[in-house]
All heavy atoms as atom14 arrays in JSON, in Angstrom:
{
  "sequence": "PLELITGSRDAPDKRLYVGSGKAEEIDQWVKHHEAQLVIFDHNLSPS",
  "atom14_mask": [
    [1, 1, 1, 1, 1, 1, 1, 0, 0, 0, 0, 0, 0, 0],
    [1, 1, 1, 1, 1, 1, 1, 1, 0, 0, 0, 0, 0, 0],
    [1, 1, 1, 1, 1, 1, 1, 1, 1, 0, 0, 0, 0, 0],
    [1, 1, 1, 1, 1, 1, 1, 1, 0, 0, 0, 0, 0, 0],
    [1, 1, 1, 1, 1, 1, 1, 1, 0, 0, 0, 0, 0, 0],
    [1, 1, 1, 1, 1, 1, 1, 0, 0, 0, 0, 0, 0, 0],
    [1, 1, 1, 1, 0, 0, 0, 0, 0, 0, 0, 0, 0, 0],
    [1, 1, 1, 1, 1, 1, 0, 0, 0, 0, 0, 0, 0, 0],
    [1, 1, 1, 1, 1, 1, 1, 1, 1, 1, 1, 0, 0, 0],
    [1, 1, 1, 1, 1, 1, 1, 1, 0, 0, 0, 0, 0, 0],
    [1, 1, 1, 1, 1, 0, 0, 0, 0, 0, 0, 0, 0, 0],
    [1, 1, 1, 1, 1, 1, 1, 0, 0, 0, 0, 0, 0, 0],
    [1, 1, 1, 1, 1, 1, 1, 1, 0, 0, 0, 0, 0, 0],
    [1, 1, 1, 1, 1, 1, 1, 1, 1, 0, 0, 0, 0, 0],
    [1, 1, 1, 1, 1, 1, 1, 1, 1, 1, 1, 0, 0, 0],
    [1, 1, 1, 1, 1, 1, 1, 1, 0, 0, 0, 0, 0, 0],
    [1, 1, 1, 1, 1, 1, 1, 1, 1, 1, 1, 1, 0, 0],
    [1, 1, 1, 1, 1, 1, 1, 0, 0, 0, 0, 0, 0, 0],
    [1, 1, 1, 1, 0, 0, 0, 0, 0, 0, 0, 0, 0, 0],
    [1, 1, 1, 1, 1, 1, 0, 0, 0, 0, 0, 0, 0, 0],
    [1, 1, 1, 1, 0, 0, 0, 0, 0, 0, 0, 0, 0, 0],
    [1, 1, 1, 1, 1, 1, 1, 1, 1, 0, 0, 0, 0, 0],
    [1, 1, 1, 1, 1, 0, 0, 0, 0, 0, 0, 0, 0, 0],
    [1, 1, 1, 1, 1, 1, 1, 1, 1, 0, 0, 0, 0, 0],
    [1, 1, 1, 1, 1, 1, 1, 1, 1, 0, 0, 0, 0, 0],
    [1, 1, 1, 1, 1, 1, 1, 1, 0, 0, 0, 0, 0, 0],
    [1, 1, 1, 1, 1, 1, 1, 1, 0, 0, 0, 0, 0, 0],
    [1, 1, 1, 1, 1, 1, 1, 1, 1, 0, 0, 0, 0, 0],
    [1, 1, 1, 1, 1, 1, 1, 1, 1, 1, 1, 1, 1, 1],
    [1, 1, 1, 1, 1, 1, 1, 0, 0, 0, 0, 0, 0, 0],
    [1, 1, 1, 1, 1, 1, 1, 1, 1, 0, 0, 0, 0, 0],
    [1, 1, 1, 1, 1, 1, 1, 1, 1, 1, 0, 0, 0, 0],
    [1, 1, 1, 1, 1, 1, 1, 1, 1, 1, 0, 0, 0, 0],
    [1, 1, 1, 1, 1, 1, 1, 1, 1, 0, 0, 0, 0, 0],
    [1, 1, 1, 1, 1, 0, 0, 0, 0, 0, 0, 0, 0, 0],
    [1, 1, 1, 1, 1, 1, 1, 1, 1, 0, 0, 0, 0, 0],
    [1, 1, 1, 1, 1, 1, 1, 1, 0, 0, 0, 0, 0, 0],
    [1, 1, 1, 1, 1, 1, 1, 0, 0, 0, 0, 0, 0, 0],
    [1, 1, 1, 1, 1, 1, 1, 1, 0, 0, 0, 0, 0, 0],
    [1, 1, 1, 1, 1, 1, 1, 1, 1, 1, 1, 0, 0, 0],
    [1, 1, 1, 1, 1, 1, 1, 1, 0, 0, 0, 0, 0, 0],
    [1, 1, 1, 1, 1, 1, 1, 1, 1, 1, 0, 0, 0, 0],
    [1, 1, 1, 1, 1, 1, 1, 1, 0, 0, 0, 0, 0, 0],
    [1, 1, 1, 1, 1, 1, 1, 1, 0, 0, 0, 0, 0, 0],
    [1, 1, 1, 1, 1, 1, 0, 0, 0, 0, 0, 0, 0, 0],
    [1, 1, 1, 1, 1, 1, 1, 0, 0, 0, 0, 0, 0, 0],
    [1, 1, 1, 1, 1, 1, 0, 0, 0, 0, 0, 0, 0, 0]
  ],
  "atom14_positions": [
    [[0.82, -1.22, -0.02], [0.01, 0.0, -0.01], [0.86, 1.27, 0.02], [1.64, 1.48, 0.89], [-0.85, -0.11, 1.3], [-0.73, -1.56, 1.71], [0.61, -2.02, 1.22], [0.0, 0.0, 0.0], [0.0, 0.0, 0.0], [0.0, 0.0, 0.0], [0.0, 0.0, 0.0], [0.0, 0.0, 0.0], [0.0, 0.0, 0.0], [0.0, 0.0, 0.0]],
    [[0.68, 2.11, -1.01], [1.45, 3.34, -1.14], [0.63, 4.55, -0.62], [1.23, 5.5, -0.14], [1.82, 3.56, -2.58], [2.61, 2.49, -3.27], [2.71, 2.73, -4.76], [3.95, 2.27, -2.63], [0.0, 0.0, 0.0], [0.0, 0.0, 0.0], [0.0, 0.0, 0.0], [0.0, 0.0, 0.0], [0.0, 0.0, 0.0], [0.0, 0.0, 0.0]],
    [[-0.69, 4.48, -0.71], [-1.54, 5.62, -0.31], [-2.94, 5.09, -0.01], [-3.4, 4.2, -0.68], [-1.57, 6.63, -1.49], [-2.06, 8.0, -1.05], [-1.06, 8.79, -0.29], [0.21, 8.68, -0.59], [-1.39, 9.61, 0.64], [0.0, 0.0, 0.0], [0.0, 0.0, 0.0], [0.0, 0.0, 0.0], [0.0, 0.0, 0.0], [0.0, 0.0, 0.0]],
    [[-3.52, 5.67, 1.01], [-4.89, 5.35, 1.35], [-5.75, 6.61, 1.09], [-5.57, 7.65, 1.78], [-5.03, 4.93, 2.83], [-6.49, 4.66, 3.34], [-7.2, 3.62, 2.52], [-6.44, 4.31, 4.79], [0.0, 0.0, 0.0], [0.0, 0.0, 0.0], [0.0, 0.0, 0.0], [0.0, 0.0, 0.0], [0.0, 0.0, 0.0], [0.0, 0.0, 0.0]],
    [[-6.66, 6.53, 0.13], [-7.54, 7.61, -0.21], [-8.89, 7.38, 0.33], [-9.51, 6.32, 0.09], [-7.57, 7.8, -1.75], [-6.15, 8.09, -2.3], [-8.53, 8.92, -2.14], [-6.07, 8.11, -3.78], [0.0, 0.0, 0.0], [0.0, 0.0, 0.0], [0.0, 0.0, 0.0], [0.0, 0.0, 0.0], [0.0, 0.0, 0.0], [0.0, 0.0, 0.0]],
    [[-9.44, 8.33, 1.12], [-10.76, 8.17, 1.7], [-11.67, 9.29, 1.18], [-11.22, 10.26, 0.59], [-10.66, 8.25, 3.22], [-10.13, 9.48, 3.63], [-9.76, 7.13, 3.73], [0.0, 0.0, 0.0], [0.0, 0.0, 0.0], [0.0, 0.0, 0.0], [0.0, 0.0, 0.0], [0.0, 0.0, 0.0], [0.0, 0.0, 0.0], [0.0, 0.0, 0.0]],
    [[-12.94, 9.07, 1.39], [-13.89, 10.04, 0.98], [-15.28, 9.66, 1.53], [-15.44, 8.65, 2.21], [0.0, 0.0, 0.0], [0.0, 0.0, 0.0], [0.0, 0.0, 0.0], [0.0, 0.0, 0.0], [0.0, 0.0, 0.0], [0.0, 0.0, 0.0], [0.0, 0.0, 0.0], [0.0, 0.0, 0.0], [0.0, 0.0, 0.0], [0.0, 0.0, 0.0]],
    [[-16.28, 10.42, 1.17], [-17.62, 10.2, 1.64], [-18.56, 10.44, 0.47], [-18.43, 11.38, -0.28], [-17.98, 11.05, 2.81], [-19.34, 10.84, 3.21], [0.0, 0.0, 0.0], [0.0, 0.0, 0.0], [0.0, 0.0, 0.0], [0.0, 0.0, 0.0], [0.0, 0.0, 0.0], [0.0, 0.0, 0.0], [0.0, 0.0, 0.0], [0.0, 0.0, 0.0]],
    [[-19.58, 9.53, 0.32], [-20.5, 9.67, -0.72], [-21.86, 9.0, -0.33], [-21.84, 7.88, 0.23], [-19.98, 9.05, -2.04], [-20.8, 9.31, -3.28], [-20.13, 8.76, -4.56], [-20.97, 9.01, -5.7], [-20.96, 10.08, -6.43], [-20.1, 11.06, -6.13], [-21.75, 10.27, -7.49], [0.0, 0.0, 0.0], [0.0, 0.0, 0.0], [0.0, 0.0, 0.0]],
    [[-22.95, 9.69, -0.64], [-24.24, 9.12, -0.26], [-24.63, 7.87, -1.04], [-25.2, 6.91, -0.55], [-25.36, 10.19, -0.39], [-25.15, 11.32, 0.62], [-24.42, 11.16, 1.59], [-25.75, 12.41, 0.39], [0.0, 0.0, 0.0], [0.0, 0.0, 0.0], [0.0, 0.0, 0.0], [0.0, 0.0, 0.0], [0.0, 0.0, 0.0], [0.0, 0.0, 0.0]],
    [[-24.33, 7.94, -2.34], [-24.63, 6.83, -3.25], [-23.56, 6.65, -4.25], [-22.96, 7.63, -4.74], [-26.0, 7.03, -3.92], [0.0, 0.0, 0.0], [0.0, 0.0, 0.0], [0.0, 0.0, 0.0], [0.0, 0.0, 0.0], [0.0, 0.0, 0.0], [0.0, 0.0, 0.0], [0.0, 0.0, 0.0], [0.0, 0.0, 0.0], [0.0, 0.0, 0.0]],
    [[-23.22, 5.38, -4.65], [-22.15, 5.16, -5.66], [-22.54, 5.74, -6.99], [-23.7, 5.71, -7.39], [-22.06, 3.64, -5.7], [-22.75, 3.13, -4.49], [-23.77, 4.09, -4.15], [0.0, 0.0, 0.0], [0.0, 0.0, 0.0], [0.0, 0.0, 0.0], [0.0, 0.0, 0.0], [0.0, 0.0, 0.0], [0.0, 0.0, 0.0], [0.0, 0.0, 0.0]],
    [[-21.52, 6.24, -7.74], [-21.74, 6.66, -9.11], [-21.86, 5.43, -10.0], [-21.06, 4.48, -9.86], [-20.56, 7.53, -9.57], [-20.67, 8.01, -11.01], [-21.48, 8.96, -11.23], [-19.99, 7.46, -11.89], [0.0, 0.0, 0.0], [0.0, 0.0, 0.0], [0.0, 0.0, 0.0], [0.0, 0.0, 0.0], [0.0, 0.0, 0.0], [0.0, 0.0, 0.0]],
    [[-22.8, 5.43, -10.88], [-23.02, 4.25, -11.74], [-21.86, 3.96, -12.65], [-21.61, 2.8, -13.0], [-24.3, 4.46, -12.57], [-25.56, 4.45, -11.76], [-26.81, 4.56, -12.64], [-28.09, 4.57, -11.78], [-29.29, 4.64, -12.58], [0.0, 0.0, 0.0], [0.0, 0.0, 0.0], [0.0, 0.0, 0.0], [0.0, 0.0, 0.0], [0.0, 0.0, 0.0]],
    [[-21.1, 4.99, -13.08], [-20.06, 4.79, -14.07], [-18.69, 4.53, -13.4], [-17.97, 3.63, -13.8], [-19.94, 6.02, -14.96], [-19.09, 5.8, -16.18], [-19.14, 7.03, -17.08], [-18.37, 8.14, -16.53], [-17.07, 8.29, -16.75], [-16.39, 7.46, -17.47], [-16.48, 9.35, -16.24], [0.0, 0.0, 0.0], [0.0, 0.0, 0.0], [0.0, 0.0, 0.0]],
    [[-18.35, 5.19, -12.31], [-17.04, 5.11, -11.74], [-17.05, 4.76, -10.21], [-15.97, 4.65, -9.62], [-16.26, 6.44, -11.84], [-15.96, 6.87, -13.29], [-15.4, 8.28, -13.28], [-15.01, 5.92, -13.97], [0.0, 0.0, 0.0], [0.0, 0.0, 0.0], [0.0, 0.0, 0.0], [0.0, 0.0, 0.0], [0.0, 0.0, 0.0], [0.0, 0.0, 0.0]],
    [[-18.23, 4.53, -9.63], [-18.43, 4.32, -8.23], [-18.17, 5.6, -7.41], [-18.96, 6.06, -6.65], [-17.56, 3.19, -7.66], [-18.01, 2.79, -6.24], [-18.97, 1.86, -6.04], [-17.46, 3.42, -5.13], [-19.4, 1.51, -4.8], [-17.87, 3.07, -3.88], [-18.84, 2.14, -3.69], [-19.29, 1.79, -2.46], [0.0, 0.0, 0.0], [0.0, 0.0, 0.0]],
    [[-16.99, 6.22, -7.7], [-16.68, 7.52, -7.04], [-17.02, 8.63, -8.01], [-17.33, 8.41, -9.19], [-15.21, 7.59, -6.68], [-14.81, 6.55, -5.63], [-14.3, 7.42, -7.92], [0.0, 0.0, 0.0], [0.0, 0.0, 0.0], [0.0, 0.0, 0.0], [0.0, 0.0, 0.0], [0.0, 0.0, 0.0], [0.0, 0.0, 0.0], [0.0, 0.0, 0.0]],
    [[-17.09, 9.83, -7.5], [-17.32, 10.96, -8.38], [-16.16, 11.26, -9.29], [-15.01, 10.77, -9.1], [0.0, 0.0, 0.0], [0.0, 0.0, 0.0], [0.0, 0.0, 0.0], [0.0, 0.0, 0.0], [0.0, 0.0, 0.0], [0.0, 0.0, 0.0], [0.0, 0.0, 0.0], [0.0, 0.0, 0.0], [0.0, 0.0, 0.0], [0.0, 0.0, 0.0]],
    [[-16.33, 12.07, -10.31], [-15.32, 12.38, -11.26], [-14.13, 13.07, -10.64], [-12.99, 12.82, -10.97], [-15.88, 13.27, -12.42], [-16.45, 14.45, -11.91], [0.0, 0.0, 0.0], [0.0, 0.0, 0.0], [0.0, 0.0, 0.0], [0.0, 0.0, 0.0], [0.0, 0.0, 0.0], [0.0, 0.0, 0.0], [0.0, 0.0, 0.0], [0.0, 0.0, 0.0]],
    [[-14.41, 13.96, -9.63], [-13.32, 14.67, -8.96], [-12.46, 13.73, -8.18], [-11.2, 13.81, -8.16], [0.0, 0.0, 0.0], [0.0, 0.0, 0.0], [0.0, 0.0, 0.0], [0.0, 0.0, 0.0], [0.0, 0.0, 0.0], [0.0, 0.0, 0.0], [0.0, 0.0, 0.0], [0.0, 0.0, 0.0], [0.0, 0.0, 0.0], [0.0, 0.0, 0.0]],
    [[-13.1, 12.79, -7.42], [-12.38, 11.8, -6.63], [-11.59, 10.86, -7.54], [-10.42, 10.48, -7.25], [-13.31, 11.03, -5.73], [-12.62, 9.98, -4.84], [-11.66, 10.59, -3.85], [-12.39, 11.45, -2.83], [-11.45, 11.96, -1.78], [0.0, 0.0, 0.0], [0.0, 0.0, 0.0], [0.0, 0.0, 0.0], [0.0, 0.0, 0.0], [0.0, 0.0, 0.0]],
    [[-12.18, 10.51, -8.72], [-11.51, 9.65, -9.63], [-10.24, 10.32, -10.21], [-9.18, 9.69, -10.38], [-12.43, 9.29, -10.82], [0.0, 0.0, 0.0], [0.0, 0.0, 0.0], [0.0, 0.0, 0.0], [0.0, 0.0, 0.0], [0.0, 0.0, 0.0], [0.0, 0.0, 0.0], [0.0, 0.0, 0.0], [0.0, 0.0, 0.0], [0.0, 0.0, 0.0]],
    [[-10.33, 11.63, -10.49], [-9.1, 12.35, -10.95], [-8.06, 12.4, -9.85], [-6.84, 12.29, -10.11], [-9.53, 13.77, -11.35], [-10.38, 13.82, -12.64], [-10.86, 15.19, -12.99], [-10.47, 16.14, -12.24], [-11.55, 15.36, -13.97], [0.0, 0.0, 0.0], [0.0, 0.0, 0.0], [0.0, 0.0, 0.0], [0.0, 0.0, 0.0], [0.0, 0.0, 0.0]],
    [[-8.47, 12.57, -8.57], [-7.53, 12.55, -7.48], [-6.78, 11.22, -7.37], [-5.58, 11.16, -7.18], [-8.22, 12.89, -6.17], [-7.32, 12.85, -4.95], [-8.09, 12.93, -3.63], [-9.33, 13.24, -3.65], [-7.51, 12.7, -2.54], [0.0, 0.0, 0.0], [0.0, 0.0, 0.0], [0.0, 0.0, 0.0], [0.0, 0.0, 0.0], [0.0, 0.0, 0.0]],
    [[-7.54, 10.14, -7.51], [-6.94, 8.78, -7.46], [-5.96, 8.65, -8.61], [-4.85, 8.11, -8.47], [-8.03, 7.7, -7.52], [-8.95, 7.78, -6.33], [-7.42, 6.32, -7.61], [-10.22, 6.93, -6.43], [0.0, 0.0, 0.0], [0.0, 0.0, 0.0], [0.0, 0.0, 0.0], [0.0, 0.0, 0.0], [0.0, 0.0, 0.0], [0.0, 0.0, 0.0]],
    [[-6.37, 9.1, -9.8], [-5.51, 8.98, -10.98], [-4.19, 9.72, -10.77], [-3.14, 9.24, -11.22], [-6.23, 9.53, -12.2], [-5.47, 9.29, -13.49], [-4.98, 8.14, -13.72], [-5.35, 10.24, -14.29], [0.0, 0.0, 0.0], [0.0, 0.0, 0.0], [0.0, 0.0, 0.0], [0.0, 0.0, 0.0], [0.0, 0.0, 0.0], [0.0, 0.0, 0.0]],
    [[-4.25, 10.86, -10.16], [-3.05, 11.68, -9.88], [-2.1, 10.89, -8.95], [-0.86, 10.88, -9.14], [-3.4, 13.03, -9.24], [-4.06, 13.99, -10.22], [-4.51, 15.25, -9.54], [-4.31, 15.49, -8.4], [-5.24, 16.12, -10.31], [0.0, 0.0, 0.0], [0.0, 0.0, 0.0], [0.0, 0.0, 0.0], [0.0, 0.0, 0.0], [0.0, 0.0, 0.0]],
    [[-2.65, 10.27, -7.9], [-1.81, 9.49, -6.99], [-1.24, 8.26, -7.7], [-0.09, 7.84, -7.47], [-2.61, 9.03, -5.78], [-2.8, 10.14, -4.75], [-3.98, 10.79, -4.44], [-1.8, 10.76, -3.94], [-3.76, 11.75, -3.47], [-2.42, 11.75, -3.15], [-0.39, 10.58, -3.79], [-1.69, 12.51, -2.22], [0.29, 11.3, -2.91], [-0.35, 12.29, -2.15]],
    [[-2.01, 7.61, -8.59], [-1.52, 6.5, -9.36], [-0.31, 6.88, -10.22], [0.72, 6.22, -10.24], [-2.64, 5.92, -10.28], [-2.05, 4.9, -11.24], [-3.72, 5.25, -9.44], [0.0, 0.0, 0.0], [0.0, 0.0, 0.0], [0.0, 0.0, 0.0], [0.0, 0.0, 0.0], [0.0, 0.0, 0.0], [0.0, 0.0, 0.0], [0.0, 0.0, 0.0]],
    [[-0.4, 8.01, -10.89], [0.69, 8.53, -11.68], [1.89, 8.95, -10.83], [3.04, 8.7, -11.19], [0.23, 9.69, -12.53], [-0.97, 9.41, -13.48], [-0.62, 8.39, -14.51], [-1.67, 8.28, -15.59], [-2.99, 7.76, -15.01], [0.0, 0.0, 0.0], [0.0, 0.0, 0.0], [0.0, 0.0, 0.0], [0.0, 0.0, 0.0], [0.0, 0.0, 0.0]],
    [[1.59, 9.52, -9.69], [2.67, 10.03, -8.81], [3.5, 8.86, -8.27], [4.72, 8.93, -8.21], [2.06, 10.85, -7.66], [3.06, 11.24, -6.61], [3.99, 12.26, -6.83], [3.31, 10.78, -5.35], [4.73, 12.42, -5.78], [4.36, 11.55, -4.83], [0.0, 0.0, 0.0], [0.0, 0.0, 0.0], [0.0, 0.0, 0.0], [0.0, 0.0, 0.0]],
    [[2.84, 7.81, -7.83], [3.54, 6.66, -7.26], [3.88, 5.59, -8.27], [4.54, 4.6, -7.89], [2.72, 6.02, -6.14], [2.54, 6.84, -4.89], [3.62, 7.09, -4.02], [1.49, 7.48, -4.36], [3.19, 7.84, -3.01], [1.94, 8.09, -3.19], [0.0, 0.0, 0.0], [0.0, 0.0, 0.0], [0.0, 0.0, 0.0], [0.0, 0.0, 0.0]],
    [[3.46, 5.8, -9.53], [3.61, 4.71, -10.53], [3.02, 3.43, -10.03], [3.61, 2.36, -10.15], [5.06, 4.56, -10.9], [5.72, 5.82, -11.54], [7.13, 5.6, -11.97], [7.69, 4.54, -11.62], [7.72, 6.5, -12.63], [0.0, 0.0, 0.0], [0.0, 0.0, 0.0], [0.0, 0.0, 0.0], [0.0, 0.0, 0.0], [0.0, 0.0, 0.0]],
    [[1.83, 3.52, -9.47], [1.16, 2.37, -8.91], [0.72, 1.4, -10.03], [0.44, 1.79, -11.13], [-0.09, 2.79, -8.09], [0.0, 0.0, 0.0], [0.0, 0.0, 0.0], [0.0, 0.0, 0.0], [0.0, 0.0, 0.0], [0.0, 0.0, 0.0], [0.0, 0.0, 0.0], [0.0, 0.0, 0.0], [0.0, 0.0, 0.0], [0.0, 0.0, 0.0]],
    [[0.72, 0.12, -9.66], [0.27, -0.93, -10.58], [-1.12, -1.43, -10.33], [-1.72, -2.21, -11.1], [1.27, -2.09, -10.5], [2.72, -1.74, -10.73], [3.69, -2.76, -10.14], [3.6, -3.15, -8.98], [4.58, -3.21, -10.98], [0.0, 0.0, 0.0], [0.0, 0.0, 0.0], [0.0, 0.0, 0.0], [0.0, 0.0, 0.0], [0.0, 0.0, 0.0]],
    [[-1.69, -1.02, -9.2], [-2.93, -1.58, -8.76], [-3.7, -0.55, -7.88], [-3.11, 0.13, -7.13], [-2.67, -2.85, -7.93], [-3.82, -3.59, -7.2], [-4.71, -4.2, -8.23], [-3.24, -4.65, -6.3], [0.0, 0.0, 0.0], [0.0, 0.0, 0.0], [0.0, 0.0, 0.0], [0.0, 0.0, 0.0], [0.0, 0.0, 0.0], [0.0, 0.0, 0.0]],
    [[-5.03, -0.51, -8.12], [-5.89, 0.29, -7.27], [-6.94, -0.7, -6.66], [-7.61, -1.39, -7.35], [-6.65, 1.4, -8.05], [-7.61, 2.13, -7.16], [-5.64, 2.39, -8.66], [0.0, 0.0, 0.0], [0.0, 0.0, 0.0], [0.0, 0.0, 0.0], [0.0, 0.0, 0.0], [0.0, 0.0, 0.0], [0.0, 0.0, 0.0], [0.0, 0.0, 0.0]],
    [[-7.01, -0.69, -5.31], [-7.91, -1.6, -4.61], [-8.98, -0.81, -3.96], [-8.73, 0.13, -3.15], [-7.15, -2.41, -3.54], [-5.97, -3.17, -4.15], [-8.12, -3.47, -2.91], [-5.09, -3.94, -3.14], [0.0, 0.0, 0.0], [0.0, 0.0, 0.0], [0.0, 0.0, 0.0], [0.0, 0.0, 0.0], [0.0, 0.0, 0.0], [0.0, 0.0, 0.0]],
    [[-10.26, -1.19, -4.26], [-11.41, -0.53, -3.67], [-11.92, -1.43, -2.53], [-12.05, -2.64, -2.69], [-12.54, -0.35, -4.66], [-12.34, 0.94, -5.52], [-11.37, 0.99, -6.49], [-13.16, 2.02, -5.36], [-11.17, 2.13, -7.26], [-13.01, 3.19, -6.12], [-12.06, 3.24, -7.11], [0.0, 0.0, 0.0], [0.0, 0.0, 0.0], [0.0, 0.0, 0.0]],
    [[-12.25, -0.8, -1.41], [-12.83, -1.52, -0.29], [-14.34, -1.62, -0.44], [-15.1, -1.53, 0.51], [-12.52, -0.84, 1.04], [-12.82, -1.68, 2.26], [-12.85, -2.91, 2.12], [-12.97, -1.11, 3.36], [0.0, 0.0, 0.0], [0.0, 0.0, 0.0], [0.0, 0.0, 0.0], [0.0, 0.0, 0.0], [0.0, 0.0, 0.0], [0.0, 0.0, 0.0]],
    [[-14.75, -1.91, -1.65], [-16.17, -2.04, -2.01], [-16.31, -3.03, -3.14], [-15.35, -3.3, -3.85], [-16.73, -0.66, -2.43], [-16.3, 0.5, -1.54], [-16.88, 0.75, -0.31], [-15.26, 1.37, -1.66], [-16.28, 1.79, 0.22], [-15.3, 2.17, -0.55], [0.0, 0.0, 0.0], [0.0, 0.0, 0.0], [0.0, 0.0, 0.0], [0.0, 0.0, 0.0]],
    [[-17.53, -3.49, -3.36], [-17.83, -4.36, -4.49], [-18.21, -3.51, -5.69], [-19.16, -2.7, -5.63], [-18.91, -5.33, -4.14], [-18.45, -6.4, -3.14], [-17.31, -6.79, -3.15], [-19.34, -6.81, -2.25], [0.0, 0.0, 0.0], [0.0, 0.0, 0.0], [0.0, 0.0, 0.0], [0.0, 0.0, 0.0], [0.0, 0.0, 0.0], [0.0, 0.0, 0.0]],
    [[-17.44, -3.64, -6.76], [-17.71, -2.83, -7.99], [-18.4, -3.67, -9.03], [-18.26, -4.9, -9.09], [-16.36, -2.35, -8.54], [-15.45, -1.53, -7.61], [-14.15, -1.22, -8.28], [-16.15, -0.27, -7.13], [0.0, 0.0, 0.0], [0.0, 0.0, 0.0], [0.0, 0.0, 0.0], [0.0, 0.0, 0.0], [0.0, 0.0, 0.0], [0.0, 0.0, 0.0]],
    [[-19.18, -3.01, -9.86], [-19.78, -3.71, -11.0], [-18.75, -3.9, -12.08], [-17.7, -3.22, -12.13], [-20.96, -2.91, -11.53], [-20.52, -1.69, -12.15], [0.0, 0.0, 0.0], [0.0, 0.0, 0.0], [0.0, 0.0, 0.0], [0.0, 0.0, 0.0], [0.0, 0.0, 0.0], [0.0, 0.0, 0.0], [0.0, 0.0, 0.0], [0.0, 0.0, 0.0]],
    [[-18.96, -4.88, -12.98], [-17.96, -5.08, -14.06], [-17.72, -3.8, -14.91], [-16.57, -3.5, -15.28], [-18.66, -6.15, -14.91], [-19.51, -6.87, -13.97], [-20.0, -5.9, -13.01], [0.0, 0.0, 0.0], [0.0, 0.0, 0.0], [0.0, 0.0, 0.0], [0.0, 0.0, 0.0], [0.0, 0.0, 0.0], [0.0, 0.0, 0.0], [0.0, 0.0, 0.0]],
    [[-18.74, -3.03, -15.18], [-18.55, -1.8, -15.95], [-17.76, -0.77, -15.21], [-16.92, -0.03, -15.79], [-19.91, -1.23, -16.4], [-20.67, -0.86, -15.26], [0.0, 0.0, 0.0], [0.0, 0.0, 0.0], [0.0, 0.0, 0.0], [0.0, 0.0, 0.0], [0.0, 0.0, 0.0], [0.0, 0.0, 0.0], [0.0, 0.0, 0.0], [0.0, 0.0, 0.0]]
  ]
}
């Protein structure tokens, strides 16, 4: 684990689970750490 990103949301986004802003934040950390994997503490749909 390189970084733990937290947030709050009333309901999951149908497309990304998180909001677009939070998704961009995660993407920045992925690029910063050159991460190979993003793990969600939630069950995601295939899409």
